[in-house]
Amino acid sequence: MTLSRRLLGLLKVLDYPAGRIDYLIAHYQHMSRVDPPFSSEEERLQDEACRKLIERLTSDLVKERMEPTKEPLAPSLKEFLQDTGGLDVHPDAHFTVHGLARVSGAVQRWKELKPLWLRLLPEQKEVAAYIRQATECYIWGNAYRLSNSLPGGL
């Protein structure tokens, strides 16, 4: 199961009465004492280094599909990512973390917007689509995408 689905499931569980949050925290603390995640500091450091390597490779893989690159990612690196969880799991985690990091900024920008009241004629529906696209780009902080989505740029 991907990180985004697990996180969404956790958020739904946490949406229940506040006592559940305390229960989950207590359960996590108990399980950490009963079954510590690492048997030594060296094992923890190795795990952290491996996780950072996977994050860097995943970031490189994502960039390869989203922006021009000088050379392709080596097929062996893609195979490594596939062998360590799959090409669904790692990009999902990447986009989940980066997406969540942008939420507070998106909410702040959304709060700054004023309602937009327009009466569009049927032949002007394209204008509404451009406005919707530009607003989404603004909310999510994608000025680059905004400038490329409008005819003639900004």
Protein backbone atom coordinates (compact mmCIF):
# COMPACT_ATOMS: atom_id res chain seq x y z
CA MET A 1 0.00 0.00 0.00
CA THR A 2 1.34 3.44 -0.91
CA LEU A 3 2.17 6.16 1.60
CA SER A 4 -0.61 8.44 0.38
CA ARG A 5 -3.27 5.76 0.96
CA ARG A 6 -1.84 4.79 4.36
CA LEU A 7 -1.70 8.45 5.38
CA LEU A 8 -5.24 9.06 4.18
CA GLY A 9 -6.38 6.03 6.19
CA LEU A 10 -4.58 7.34 9.26
CA LEU A 11 -6.17 10.77 8.85
CA LYS A 12 -9.61 9.13 8.68
CA VAL A 13 -8.88 7.20 11.89
CA LEU A 14 -7.69 10.37 13.59
CA ASP A 15 -10.91 12.09 12.57
CA TYR A 16 -12.74 10.11 15.28
CA PRO A 17 -13.03 11.41 18.87
CA ALA A 18 -9.86 12.85 20.38
CA GLY A 19 -9.32 9.83 22.65
CA ARG A 20 -8.19 7.84 19.62
CA ILE A 21 -5.18 10.09 19.09
CA ASP A 22 -4.02 9.52 22.66
CA TYR A 23 -4.54 5.78 22.21
CA LEU A 24 -2.49 5.73 18.98
CA ILE A 25 0.37 7.69 20.56
CA ALA A 26 0.41 5.42 23.62
CA HIS A 27 0.32 2.34 21.38
CA TYR A 28 3.24 3.62 19.29
CA GLN A 29 5.27 4.42 22.41
CA HIS A 30 4.54 0.96 23.84
CA MET A 31 5.50 -0.81 20.59
CA SER A 32 8.74 1.19 20.37
CA ARG A 33 9.74 -0.11 23.81
CA VAL A 34 8.62 -3.70 23.16
CA ASP A 35 10.09 -4.00 19.66
CA PRO A 36 12.62 -1.22 19.06
CA PRO A 37 13.03 -0.49 15.36
CA PHE A 38 16.83 -0.90 15.43
CA SER A 39 19.10 -3.15 17.44
CA SER A 40 22.03 -0.71 17.31
CA GLU A 41 22.95 2.85 16.41
CA GLU A 42 24.92 1.52 13.44
CA GLU A 43 21.82 -0.23 12.11
CA ARG A 44 19.83 3.00 12.49
CA LEU A 45 22.50 4.98 10.61
CA GLN A 46 22.59 2.40 7.79
CA ASP A 47 18.81 2.56 7.47
CA GLU A 48 18.89 6.36 7.40
CA ALA A 49 21.61 6.38 4.71
CA CYS A 50 19.65 3.88 2.60
CA ARG A 51 16.46 5.90 2.99
CA LYS A 52 18.26 9.12 1.93
CA LEU A 53 19.72 7.34 -1.12
CA ILE A 54 16.27 6.09 -2.14
CA GLU A 55 14.81 9.59 -1.66
CA ARG A 56 17.56 11.14 -3.81
CA LEU A 57 17.14 8.54 -6.57
CA THR A 58 13.36 8.96 -6.48
CA SER A 59 13.77 12.73 -6.71
CA ASP A 60 16.06 12.25 -9.73
CA LEU A 61 13.51 9.90 -11.32
CA VAL A 62 10.71 12.42 -10.80
CA LYS A 63 12.82 15.26 -12.22
CA GLU A 64 13.68 13.13 -15.26
CA ARG A 65 10.00 13.12 -16.24
CA MET A 66 9.20 16.70 -15.25
CA GLU A 67 12.06 18.80 -16.56
CA PRO A 68 14.77 18.60 -19.21
CA THR A 69 17.82 16.58 -18.19
CA LYS A 70 21.25 16.19 -19.78
CA GLU A 71 21.23 12.40 -19.60
CA PRO A 72 18.79 9.68 -18.63
CA LEU A 73 18.80 7.95 -15.27
CA ALA A 74 20.70 4.66 -15.52
CA PRO A 75 18.39 1.66 -15.99
CA SER A 76 20.12 -0.09 -13.08
CA LEU A 77 19.01 2.72 -10.75
CA LYS A 78 15.41 2.32 -11.90
CA GLU A 79 15.74 -1.42 -11.26
CA PHE A 80 17.11 -0.67 -7.79
CA LEU A 81 14.08 1.50 -7.01
CA GLN A 82 11.80 -1.22 -8.36
CA ASP A 83 13.51 -3.84 -6.17
CA THR A 84 13.28 -1.67 -3.03
CA GLY A 85 9.55 -1.09 -3.12
CA GLY A 86 8.47 -0.42 -6.63
CA LEU A 87 7.96 2.50 -8.95
CA ASP A 88 4.55 3.14 -7.38
CA VAL A 89 5.71 3.29 -3.76
CA HIS A 90 8.70 5.64 -3.99
CA PRO A 91 7.18 8.32 -6.28
CA ASP A 92 3.97 8.18 -4.21
CA ALA A 93 5.97 8.90 -1.05
CA HIS A 94 7.85 11.69 -2.85
CA PHE A 95 4.67 13.43 -4.05
CA THR A 96 2.90 12.86 -0.70
CA VAL A 97 5.67 14.52 1.30
CA HIS A 98 6.14 17.38 -1.16
CA GLY A 99 2.39 17.88 -1.52
CA LEU A 100 1.79 18.00 2.23
CA ALA A 101 4.66 20.45 2.65
CA ARG A 102 2.85 22.82 0.27
CA VAL A 103 -0.59 22.66 1.89
CA SER A 104 -0.15 25.49 4.43
CA GLY A 105 1.11 27.85 1.72
CA ALA A 106 -1.80 26.89 -0.53
CA VAL A 107 -4.31 27.59 2.24
CA GLN A 108 -2.68 30.95 2.96
CA ARG A 109 -2.80 31.96 -0.73
CA TRP A 110 -6.41 30.71 -1.02
CA LYS A 111 -7.43 32.88 1.96
CA GLU A 112 -6.04 35.94 0.15
CA LEU A 113 -8.31 35.40 -2.87
CA LYS A 114 -11.54 37.32 -3.30
CA PRO A 115 -14.67 35.72 -4.80
CA LEU A 116 -14.74 36.01 -8.57
CA TRP A 117 -18.18 36.68 -10.03
CA LEU A 118 -18.44 36.37 -13.80
CA ARG A 119 -21.29 35.67 -16.13
CA LEU A 120 -19.75 33.86 -19.07
CA LEU A 121 -21.34 33.31 -22.40
CA PRO A 122 -21.13 29.74 -23.79
CA GLU A 123 -18.34 30.69 -26.19
CA GLN A 124 -16.31 32.10 -23.27
CA LYS A 125 -16.03 28.83 -21.31
CA GLU A 126 -12.38 28.70 -22.35
CA VAL A 127 -11.85 31.89 -20.32
CA ALA A 128 -13.25 30.15 -17.21
CA ALA A 129 -10.90 27.23 -17.78
CA TYR A 130 -7.90 29.60 -17.99
CA ILE A 131 -9.01 31.42 -14.83
CA ARG A 132 -9.45 28.11 -12.96
CA GLN A 133 -6.04 26.91 -14.14
CA ALA A 134 -4.35 30.20 -13.21
CA THR A 135 -6.01 30.19 -9.78
CA GLU A 136 -4.88 26.63 -9.07
CA CYS A 137 -1.35 27.52 -10.11
CA TYR A 138 -1.41 30.54 -7.81
CA ILE A 139 -2.81 28.58 -4.87
CA TRP A 140 -0.22 25.80 -5.20
CA GLY A 141 2.61 28.27 -5.86
CA ASN A 142 3.33 27.21 -9.42
CA ALA A 143 4.22 30.52 -11.02
CA TYR A 144 6.28 28.76 -13.71
CA ARG A 145 3.37 26.55 -14.71
CA LEU A 146 1.05 29.55 -14.60
CA SER A 147 3.20 31.51 -17.03
CA ASN A 148 3.26 28.57 -19.44
CA SER A 149 -0.47 27.81 -19.19
CA LEU A 150 -1.70 31.18 -20.44
CA PRO A 151 -1.49 32.24 -24.08
CA GLY A 152 1.52 34.50 -24.45
CA GLY A 153 2.68 33.77 -20.87
CA LEU A 154 2.45 36.35 -18.08
